[in-house]
Amino acid sequence: MAKISLPVVPYFRSVIEEGQKVVWPARDTVIRHTIMVIVSVAVAISIFASIDYGLQKLVILAITK
């Protein structure tokens, strides 16, 4: 019976080597991008919520007449 060898050790070595090559962003860049994402999501939520509210009122108006 043939023995199946899994290349687990070389895989994890390559993962560690690639992880050491990563250039992490500076703290101020991360903070700035996080704020941009939060503001963008808040704007998108307000746009979709207002559209939903307006359509809800139109449907209620159409049903009641």
C-alpha atoms as a PDB file:
ATOM      1  CA  MET A   1       0.000   0.000   0.000  1.00  0.00           C
ATOM      2  CA  ALA A   2       1.376   3.411  -0.963  1.00  0.00           C
ATOM      3  CA  LYS A   3       1.899   5.955   1.763  1.00  0.00           C
ATOM      4  CA  ILE A   4       0.248   9.292   1.033  1.00  0.00           C
ATOM      5  CA  SER A   5       2.325  12.213   2.233  1.00  0.00           C
ATOM      6  CA  LEU A   6       0.696  15.556   2.764  1.00  0.00           C
ATOM      7  CA  PRO A   7       2.843  18.616   2.136  1.00  0.00           C
ATOM      8  CA  VAL A   8       1.654  20.317   5.310  1.00  0.00           C
ATOM      9  CA  VAL A   9       4.994  21.563   6.599  1.00  0.00           C
ATOM     10  CA  PRO A  10       6.114  23.204   3.324  1.00  0.00           C
ATOM     11  CA  TYR A  11       2.682  24.781   3.009  1.00  0.00           C
ATOM     12  CA  PHE A  12       2.865  26.416   6.420  1.00  0.00           C
ATOM     13  CA  ARG A  13       6.444  27.555   5.756  1.00  0.00           C
ATOM     14  CA  SER A  14       5.298  29.292   2.587  1.00  0.00           C
ATOM     15  CA  VAL A  15       2.357  30.853   4.458  1.00  0.00           C
ATOM     16  CA  ILE A  16       4.734  32.273   7.067  1.00  0.00           C
ATOM     17  CA  GLU A  17       7.112  33.565   4.380  1.00  0.00           C
ATOM     18  CA  GLU A  18       4.277  35.284   2.519  1.00  0.00           C
ATOM     19  CA  GLY A  19       2.939  36.742   5.772  1.00  0.00           C
ATOM     20  CA  GLN A  20       6.313  38.331   6.446  1.00  0.00           C
ATOM     21  CA  LYS A  21       6.222  40.034   3.031  1.00  0.00           C
ATOM     22  CA  VAL A  22       2.949  41.822   3.802  1.00  0.00           C
ATOM     23  CA  VAL A  23       3.223  45.586   4.089  1.00  0.00           C
ATOM     24  CA  TRP A  24       0.686  46.686   6.657  1.00  0.00           C
ATOM     25  CA  PRO A  25      -0.865  50.159   6.350  1.00  0.00           C
ATOM     26  CA  ALA A  26      -0.130  52.870   8.861  1.00  0.00           C
ATOM     27  CA  ARG A  27      -2.532  53.459  11.730  1.00  0.00           C
ATOM     28  CA  ASP A  28      -3.767  56.803  10.388  1.00  0.00           C
ATOM     29  CA  THR A  29      -4.517  55.213   7.007  1.00  0.00           C
ATOM     30  CA  VAL A  30      -6.573  52.471   8.647  1.00  0.00           C
ATOM     31  CA  ILE A  31      -8.484  55.019  10.728  1.00  0.00           C
ATOM     32  CA  ARG A  32      -9.140  57.244   7.714  1.00  0.00           C
ATOM     33  CA  HIS A  33     -10.373  54.340   5.579  1.00  0.00           C
ATOM     34  CA  THR A  34     -12.545  53.027   8.411  1.00  0.00           C
ATOM     35  CA  ILE A  35     -14.200  56.431   8.800  1.00  0.00           C
ATOM     36  CA  MET A  36     -14.750  56.627   5.036  1.00  0.00           C
ATOM     37  CA  VAL A  37     -16.438  53.208   5.046  1.00  0.00           C
ATOM     38  CA  ILE A  38     -18.672  54.091   8.004  1.00  0.00           C
ATOM     39  CA  VAL A  39     -19.729  57.393   6.403  1.00  0.00           C
ATOM     40  CA  SER A  40     -20.381  55.702   3.046  1.00  0.00           C
ATOM     41  CA  VAL A  41     -22.523  53.015   4.668  1.00  0.00           C
ATOM     42  CA  ALA A  42     -24.456  55.643   6.634  1.00  0.00           C
ATOM     43  CA  VAL A  43     -25.158  57.617   3.446  1.00  0.00           C
ATOM     44  CA  ALA A  44     -26.247  54.477   1.590  1.00  0.00           C
ATOM     45  CA  ILE A  45     -28.512  53.454   4.476  1.00  0.00           C
ATOM     46  CA  SER A  46     -30.159  56.878   4.576  1.00  0.00           C
ATOM     47  CA  ILE A  47     -30.722  56.875   0.795  1.00  0.00           C
ATOM     48  CA  PHE A  48     -32.271  53.404   0.763  1.00  0.00           C
ATOM     49  CA  ALA A  49     -34.314  54.092   3.898  1.00  0.00           C
ATOM     50  CA  SER A  50     -35.774  57.268   2.413  1.00  0.00           C
ATOM     51  CA  ILE A  51     -36.614  55.495  -0.855  1.00  0.00           C
ATOM     52  CA  ASP A  52     -38.246  52.674   1.117  1.00  0.00           C
ATOM     53  CA  TYR A  53     -40.208  55.125   3.233  1.00  0.00           C
ATOM     54  CA  GLY A  54     -41.404  57.025   0.168  1.00  0.00           C
ATOM     55  CA  LEU A  55     -42.465  53.854  -1.636  1.00  0.00           C
ATOM     56  CA  GLN A  56     -44.245  52.658   1.501  1.00  0.00           C
ATOM     57  CA  LYS A  57     -46.237  55.894   1.678  1.00  0.00           C
ATOM     58  CA  LEU A  58     -47.097  55.642  -2.044  1.00  0.00           C
ATOM     59  CA  VAL A  59     -48.342  52.080  -1.638  1.00  0.00           C
ATOM     60  CA  ILE A  60     -50.418  53.013   1.410  1.00  0.00           C
ATOM     61  CA  LEU A  61     -51.839  55.984  -0.506  1.00  0.00           C
ATOM     62  CA  ALA A  62     -52.686  53.775  -3.485  1.00  0.00           C
ATOM     63  CA  ILE A  63     -54.337  51.116  -1.303  1.00  0.00           C
ATOM     64  CA  THR A  64     -56.493  53.520   0.696  1.00  0.00           C
ATOM     65  CA  LYS A  65     -58.016  55.221  -2.363  1.00  0.00           C
END
